[in-house]
All heavy atoms as atom14 arrays in JSON, in Angstrom:
{
  "sequence": "AEALGEWLDEREASGTWRPNVIKFSKNILAE",
  "atom14_mask": [
    [1, 1, 1, 1, 1, 0, 0, 0, 0, 0, 0, 0, 0, 0],
    [1, 1, 1, 1, 1, 1, 1, 1, 1, 0, 0, 0, 0, 0],
    [1, 1, 1, 1, 1, 0, 0, 0, 0, 0, 0, 0, 0, 0],
    [1, 1, 1, 1, 1, 1, 1, 1, 0, 0, 0, 0, 0, 0],
    [1, 1, 1, 1, 0, 0, 0, 0, 0, 0, 0, 0, 0, 0],
    [1, 1, 1, 1, 1, 1, 1, 1, 1, 0, 0, 0, 0, 0],
    [1, 1, 1, 1, 1, 1, 1, 1, 1, 1, 1, 1, 1, 1],
    [1, 1, 1, 1, 1, 1, 1, 1, 0, 0, 0, 0, 0, 0],
    [1, 1, 1, 1, 1, 1, 1, 1, 0, 0, 0, 0, 0, 0],
    [1, 1, 1, 1, 1, 1, 1, 1, 1, 0, 0, 0, 0, 0],
    [1, 1, 1, 1, 1, 1, 1, 1, 1, 1, 1, 0, 0, 0],
    [1, 1, 1, 1, 1, 1, 1, 1, 1, 0, 0, 0, 0, 0],
    [1, 1, 1, 1, 1, 0, 0, 0, 0, 0, 0, 0, 0, 0],
    [1, 1, 1, 1, 1, 1, 0, 0, 0, 0, 0, 0, 0, 0],
    [1, 1, 1, 1, 0, 0, 0, 0, 0, 0, 0, 0, 0, 0],
    [1, 1, 1, 1, 1, 1, 1, 0, 0, 0, 0, 0, 0, 0],
    [1, 1, 1, 1, 1, 1, 1, 1, 1, 1, 1, 1, 1, 1],
    [1, 1, 1, 1, 1, 1, 1, 1, 1, 1, 1, 0, 0, 0],
    [1, 1, 1, 1, 1, 1, 1, 0, 0, 0, 0, 0, 0, 0],
    [1, 1, 1, 1, 1, 1, 1, 1, 0, 0, 0, 0, 0, 0],
    [1, 1, 1, 1, 1, 1, 1, 0, 0, 0, 0, 0, 0, 0],
    [1, 1, 1, 1, 1, 1, 1, 1, 0, 0, 0, 0, 0, 0],
    [1, 1, 1, 1, 1, 1, 1, 1, 1, 0, 0, 0, 0, 0],
    [1, 1, 1, 1, 1, 1, 1, 1, 1, 1, 1, 0, 0, 0],
    [1, 1, 1, 1, 1, 1, 0, 0, 0, 0, 0, 0, 0, 0],
    [1, 1, 1, 1, 1, 1, 1, 1, 1, 0, 0, 0, 0, 0],
    [1, 1, 1, 1, 1, 1, 1, 1, 0, 0, 0, 0, 0, 0],
    [1, 1, 1, 1, 1, 1, 1, 1, 0, 0, 0, 0, 0, 0],
    [1, 1, 1, 1, 1, 1, 1, 1, 0, 0, 0, 0, 0, 0],
    [1, 1, 1, 1, 1, 0, 0, 0, 0, 0, 0, 0, 0, 0],
    [1, 1, 1, 1, 1, 1, 1, 1, 1, 0, 0, 0, 0, 0]
  ],
  "atom14_positions": [
    [[0.82, -1.22, 0.0], [0.0, 0.0, 0.0], [0.85, 1.26, 0.0], [0.53, 2.24, -0.71], [-0.94, -0.01, 1.2], [0.0, 0.0, 0.0], [0.0, 0.0, 0.0], [0.0, 0.0, 0.0], [0.0, 0.0, 0.0], [0.0, 0.0, 0.0], [0.0, 0.0, 0.0], [0.0, 0.0, 0.0], [0.0, 0.0, 0.0], [0.0, 0.0, 0.0]],
    [[1.9, 1.29, 0.79], [2.73, 2.49, 0.84], [3.37, 2.78, -0.51], [3.37, 3.92, -0.99], [3.81, 2.35, 1.91], [4.67, 3.61, 2.07], [5.72, 3.48, 3.18], [5.7, 2.45, 3.91], [6.54, 4.4, 3.33], [0.0, 0.0, 0.0], [0.0, 0.0, 0.0], [0.0, 0.0, 0.0], [0.0, 0.0, 0.0], [0.0, 0.0, 0.0]],
    [[3.91, 1.73, -1.14], [4.53, 1.9, -2.45], [3.5, 2.31, -3.49], [3.78, 3.15, -4.36], [5.24, 0.62, -2.87], [0.0, 0.0, 0.0], [0.0, 0.0, 0.0], [0.0, 0.0, 0.0], [0.0, 0.0, 0.0], [0.0, 0.0, 0.0], [0.0, 0.0, 0.0], [0.0, 0.0, 0.0], [0.0, 0.0, 0.0], [0.0, 0.0, 0.0]],
    [[2.3, 1.72, -3.42], [1.24, 2.11, -4.34], [0.85, 3.57, -4.14], [0.64, 4.32, -5.1], [0.01, 1.22, -4.12], [0.01, -0.17, -4.76], [-1.16, -0.99, -4.23], [-0.05, -0.07, -6.28], [0.0, 0.0, 0.0], [0.0, 0.0, 0.0], [0.0, 0.0, 0.0], [0.0, 0.0, 0.0], [0.0, 0.0, 0.0], [0.0, 0.0, 0.0]],
    [[0.75, 3.99, -2.88], [0.39, 5.37, -2.59], [1.42, 6.35, -3.12], [1.07, 7.41, -3.66], [0.0, 0.0, 0.0], [0.0, 0.0, 0.0], [0.0, 0.0, 0.0], [0.0, 0.0, 0.0], [0.0, 0.0, 0.0], [0.0, 0.0, 0.0], [0.0, 0.0, 0.0], [0.0, 0.0, 0.0], [0.0, 0.0, 0.0], [0.0, 0.0, 0.0]],
    [[2.71, 6.03, -2.93], [3.77, 6.91, -3.44], [3.72, 7.01, -4.95], [3.9, 8.1, -5.52], [5.13, 6.37, -2.99], [5.37, 6.51, -1.49], [6.68, 5.86, -1.05], [7.34, 5.22, -1.9], [7.03, 5.97, 0.14], [0.0, 0.0, 0.0], [0.0, 0.0, 0.0], [0.0, 0.0, 0.0], [0.0, 0.0, 0.0], [0.0, 0.0, 0.0]],
    [[3.46, 5.87, -5.61], [3.36, 5.88, -7.07], [2.17, 6.72, -7.52], [2.29, 7.54, -8.45], [3.24, 4.44, -7.57], [2.86, 4.31, -9.01], [3.6, 4.65, -10.1], [1.61, 3.82, -9.52], [2.9, 4.4, -11.25], [1.68, 3.89, -10.93], [0.46, 3.31, -8.92], [0.63, 3.47, -11.75], [-0.59, 2.9, -9.74], [-0.5, 2.98, -11.13]],
    [[1.01, 6.58, -6.87], [-0.16, 7.36, -7.25], [0.04, 8.85, -6.97], [-0.41, 9.71, -7.74], [-1.4, 6.85, -6.52], [-1.98, 5.54, -7.04], [-3.07, 5.02, -6.11], [-2.54, 5.72, -8.46], [0.0, 0.0, 0.0], [0.0, 0.0, 0.0], [0.0, 0.0, 0.0], [0.0, 0.0, 0.0], [0.0, 0.0, 0.0], [0.0, 0.0, 0.0]],
    [[0.72, 9.17, -5.87], [1.03, 10.58, -5.59], [1.88, 11.18, -6.72], [1.65, 12.31, -7.16], [1.78, 10.71, -4.26], [0.88, 10.5, -3.06], [-0.36, 10.56, -3.21], [1.42, 10.26, -1.96], [0.0, 0.0, 0.0], [0.0, 0.0, 0.0], [0.0, 0.0, 0.0], [0.0, 0.0, 0.0], [0.0, 0.0, 0.0], [0.0, 0.0, 0.0]],
    [[2.84, 10.4, -7.15], [3.72, 10.85, -8.24], [2.93, 11.05, -9.53], [3.11, 12.03, -10.24], [4.82, 9.8, -8.45], [5.74, 10.08, -9.62], [6.65, 8.9, -9.88], [7.65, 8.74, -9.14], [6.37, 8.13, -10.81], [0.0, 0.0, 0.0], [0.0, 0.0, 0.0], [0.0, 0.0, 0.0], [0.0, 0.0, 0.0], [0.0, 0.0, 0.0]],
    [[2.01, 10.11, -9.81], [1.21, 10.22, -11.03], [0.24, 11.4, -10.93], [-0.01, 12.1, -11.91], [0.44, 8.93, -11.3], [1.28, 7.67, -11.48], [2.61, 7.87, -12.18], [2.48, 8.53, -13.45], [3.39, 9.32, -13.99], [4.51, 9.58, -13.35], [3.19, 9.87, -15.17], [0.0, 0.0, 0.0], [0.0, 0.0, 0.0], [0.0, 0.0, 0.0]],
    [[-0.32, 11.65, -9.75], [-1.21, 12.79, -9.58], [-0.45, 14.09, -9.8], [-0.96, 15.03, -10.42], [-1.84, 12.77, -8.19], [-2.84, 13.89, -7.98], [-3.52, 13.81, -6.62], [-2.89, 13.31, -5.66], [-4.68, 14.24, -6.52], [0.0, 0.0, 0.0], [0.0, 0.0, 0.0], [0.0, 0.0, 0.0], [0.0, 0.0, 0.0], [0.0, 0.0, 0.0]],
    [[0.77, 14.14, -9.28], [1.59, 15.35, -9.44], [1.93, 15.63, -10.9], [2.17, 16.77, -11.28], [2.87, 15.23, -8.61], [0.0, 0.0, 0.0], [0.0, 0.0, 0.0], [0.0, 0.0, 0.0], [0.0, 0.0, 0.0], [0.0, 0.0, 0.0], [0.0, 0.0, 0.0], [0.0, 0.0, 0.0], [0.0, 0.0, 0.0], [0.0, 0.0, 0.0]],
    [[1.94, 14.59, -11.72], [2.26, 14.78, -13.14], [1.17, 15.57, -13.86], [1.41, 16.19, -14.89], [2.44, 13.42, -13.83], [1.2, 12.77, -14.02], [0.0, 0.0, 0.0], [0.0, 0.0, 0.0], [0.0, 0.0, 0.0], [0.0, 0.0, 0.0], [0.0, 0.0, 0.0], [0.0, 0.0, 0.0], [0.0, 0.0, 0.0], [0.0, 0.0, 0.0]],
    [[-0.06, 15.53, -13.31], [-1.17, 16.25, -13.91], [-1.69, 15.68, -15.2], [-2.49, 16.31, -15.9], [0.0, 0.0, 0.0], [0.0, 0.0, 0.0], [0.0, 0.0, 0.0], [0.0, 0.0, 0.0], [0.0, 0.0, 0.0], [0.0, 0.0, 0.0], [0.0, 0.0, 0.0], [0.0, 0.0, 0.0], [0.0, 0.0, 0.0], [0.0, 0.0, 0.0]],
    [[-1.27, 14.46, -15.55], [-1.66, 13.88, -16.83], [-2.87, 12.96, -16.73], [-3.58, 12.76, -17.71], [-0.49, 13.1, -17.45], [-0.09, 12.05, -16.56], [0.7, 14.02, -17.71], [0.0, 0.0, 0.0], [0.0, 0.0, 0.0], [0.0, 0.0, 0.0], [0.0, 0.0, 0.0], [0.0, 0.0, 0.0], [0.0, 0.0, 0.0], [0.0, 0.0, 0.0]],
    [[-3.1, 12.39, -15.54], [-4.21, 11.43, -15.42], [-5.56, 12.15, -15.44], [-5.69, 13.27, -14.94], [-4.08, 10.64, -14.12], [-3.05, 9.56, -14.15], [-1.84, 9.6, -14.79], [-3.11, 8.29, -13.5], [-1.16, 8.43, -14.57], [-1.91, 7.61, -13.79], [-4.06, 7.67, -12.7], [-1.64, 6.33, -13.3], [-3.8, 6.4, -12.21], [-2.6, 5.74, -12.52]],
    [[-6.56, 11.48, -16.02], [-7.91, 12.02, -15.95], [-8.35, 12.09, -14.5], [-8.11, 11.14, -13.73], [-8.86, 11.15, -16.78], [-8.58, 11.23, -18.27], [-9.44, 10.28, -19.1], [-9.14, 10.43, -20.52], [-9.6, 9.63, -21.46], [-10.39, 8.62, -21.15], [-9.28, 9.83, -22.73], [0.0, 0.0, 0.0], [0.0, 0.0, 0.0], [0.0, 0.0, 0.0]],
    [[-9.0, 13.18, -14.09], [-9.36, 13.36, -12.67], [-10.17, 12.21, -12.09], [-9.97, 11.81, -10.94], [-10.16, 14.67, -12.68], [-9.66, 15.41, -13.87], [-9.35, 14.36, -14.9], [0.0, 0.0, 0.0], [0.0, 0.0, 0.0], [0.0, 0.0, 0.0], [0.0, 0.0, 0.0], [0.0, 0.0, 0.0], [0.0, 0.0, 0.0], [0.0, 0.0, 0.0]],
    [[-11.09, 11.65, -12.89], [-11.92, 10.56, -12.37], [-11.09, 9.33, -12.05], [-11.36, 8.6, -11.1], [-13.02, 10.19, -13.37], [-12.48, 9.71, -14.71], [-11.56, 10.31, -15.27], [-13.04, 8.65, -15.24], [0.0, 0.0, 0.0], [0.0, 0.0, 0.0], [0.0, 0.0, 0.0], [0.0, 0.0, 0.0], [0.0, 0.0, 0.0], [0.0, 0.0, 0.0]],
    [[-10.03, 9.11, -12.84], [-9.2, 7.92, -12.65], [-8.32, 8.06, -11.41], [-8.24, 7.15, -10.58], [-8.33, 7.65, -13.9], [-7.49, 6.39, -13.7], [-9.21, 7.49, -15.13], [0.0, 0.0, 0.0], [0.0, 0.0, 0.0], [0.0, 0.0, 0.0], [0.0, 0.0, 0.0], [0.0, 0.0, 0.0], [0.0, 0.0, 0.0], [0.0, 0.0, 0.0]],
    [[-7.66, 9.2, -11.26], [-6.77, 9.37, -10.12], [-7.57, 9.42, -8.82], [-7.15, 8.85, -7.79], [-5.88, 10.63, -10.28], [-4.7, 10.57, -9.3], [-6.66, 11.91, -10.13], [-3.67, 9.54, -9.62], [0.0, 0.0, 0.0], [0.0, 0.0, 0.0], [0.0, 0.0, 0.0], [0.0, 0.0, 0.0], [0.0, 0.0, 0.0], [0.0, 0.0, 0.0]],
    [[-8.73, 10.04, -8.84], [-9.56, 10.11, -7.63], [-10.02, 8.72, -7.21], [-9.9, 8.33, -6.05], [-10.77, 11.02, -7.87], [-11.68, 11.15, -6.65], [-12.87, 12.06, -6.95], [-13.79, 12.16, -5.73], [-14.97, 13.02, -6.0], [0.0, 0.0, 0.0], [0.0, 0.0, 0.0], [0.0, 0.0, 0.0], [0.0, 0.0, 0.0], [0.0, 0.0, 0.0]],
    [[-10.53, 7.95, -8.16], [-10.99, 6.6, -7.86], [-9.83, 5.75, -7.35], [-9.96, 5.01, -6.37], [-11.59, 5.97, -9.12], [-12.12, 4.58, -8.92], [-13.44, 4.37, -8.56], [-11.3, 3.48, -9.07], [-13.94, 3.09, -8.36], [-11.78, 2.19, -8.89], [-13.11, 2.0, -8.53], [0.0, 0.0, 0.0], [0.0, 0.0, 0.0], [0.0, 0.0, 0.0]],
    [[-8.68, 5.86, -8.0], [-7.52, 5.04, -7.65], [-7.04, 5.32, -6.24], [-6.68, 4.41, -5.5], [-6.39, 5.28, -8.66], [-6.81, 4.99, -9.97], [0.0, 0.0, 0.0], [0.0, 0.0, 0.0], [0.0, 0.0, 0.0], [0.0, 0.0, 0.0], [0.0, 0.0, 0.0], [0.0, 0.0, 0.0], [0.0, 0.0, 0.0], [0.0, 0.0, 0.0]],
    [[-7.04, 6.59, -5.84], [-6.59, 6.93, -4.5], [-7.63, 6.55, -3.44], [-7.28, 6.17, -2.32], [-6.25, 8.42, -4.43], [-5.11, 8.82, -5.37], [-4.51, 10.16, -5.03], [-3.54, 10.05, -3.89], [-2.77, 11.27, -3.67], [0.0, 0.0, 0.0], [0.0, 0.0, 0.0], [0.0, 0.0, 0.0], [0.0, 0.0, 0.0], [0.0, 0.0, 0.0]],
    [[-8.89, 6.62, -3.83], [-9.94, 6.25, -2.87], [-9.86, 4.78, -2.48], [-10.11, 4.43, -1.31], [-11.33, 6.56, -3.45], [-11.67, 8.04, -3.4], [-11.01, 8.81, -2.71], [-12.69, 8.45, -4.14], [0.0, 0.0, 0.0], [0.0, 0.0, 0.0], [0.0, 0.0, 0.0], [0.0, 0.0, 0.0], [0.0, 0.0, 0.0], [0.0, 0.0, 0.0]],
    [[-9.56, 3.91, -3.42], [-9.57, 2.48, -3.12], [-8.38, 2.07, -2.24], [-8.38, 0.98, -1.68], [-9.61, 1.61, -4.39], [-8.4, 1.87, -5.29], [-10.9, 1.82, -5.15], [-8.38, 1.01, -6.55], [0.0, 0.0, 0.0], [0.0, 0.0, 0.0], [0.0, 0.0, 0.0], [0.0, 0.0, 0.0], [0.0, 0.0, 0.0], [0.0, 0.0, 0.0]],
    [[-7.41, 2.96, -2.11], [-6.29, 2.66, -1.2], [-6.73, 2.68, 0.26], [-6.13, 2.01, 1.1], [-5.16, 3.68, -1.41], [-4.11, 3.39, -2.49], [-3.1, 4.52, -2.53], [-3.4, 2.07, -2.23], [0.0, 0.0, 0.0], [0.0, 0.0, 0.0], [0.0, 0.0, 0.0], [0.0, 0.0, 0.0], [0.0, 0.0, 0.0], [0.0, 0.0, 0.0]],
    [[-7.77, 3.45, 0.54], [-8.18, 3.64, 1.94], [-8.63, 2.34, 2.58], [-8.45, 2.13, 3.79], [-9.28, 4.68, 2.02], [0.0, 0.0, 0.0], [0.0, 0.0, 0.0], [0.0, 0.0, 0.0], [0.0, 0.0, 0.0], [0.0, 0.0, 0.0], [0.0, 0.0, 0.0], [0.0, 0.0, 0.0], [0.0, 0.0, 0.0], [0.0, 0.0, 0.0]],
    [[-9.25, 1.45, 1.8], [-9.78, 0.2, 2.35], [-9.01, -1.01, 1.83], [-9.57, -2.09, 1.7], [-11.27, 0.08, 1.98], [-12.15, 1.17, 2.55], [-12.26, 1.09, 4.06], [-12.14, -0.02, 4.61], [-12.45, 2.14, 4.7], [0.0, 0.0, 0.0], [0.0, 0.0, 0.0], [0.0, 0.0, 0.0], [0.0, 0.0, 0.0], [0.0, 0.0, 0.0]]
  ]
}
């Protein structure tokens, strides 16, 4: 989970992902 979170943070910072995809992807990390 930690490595996945760091990777998603990096991808979010790139600003290239569609907002719906990055939001959904980060939400599923919580559970």
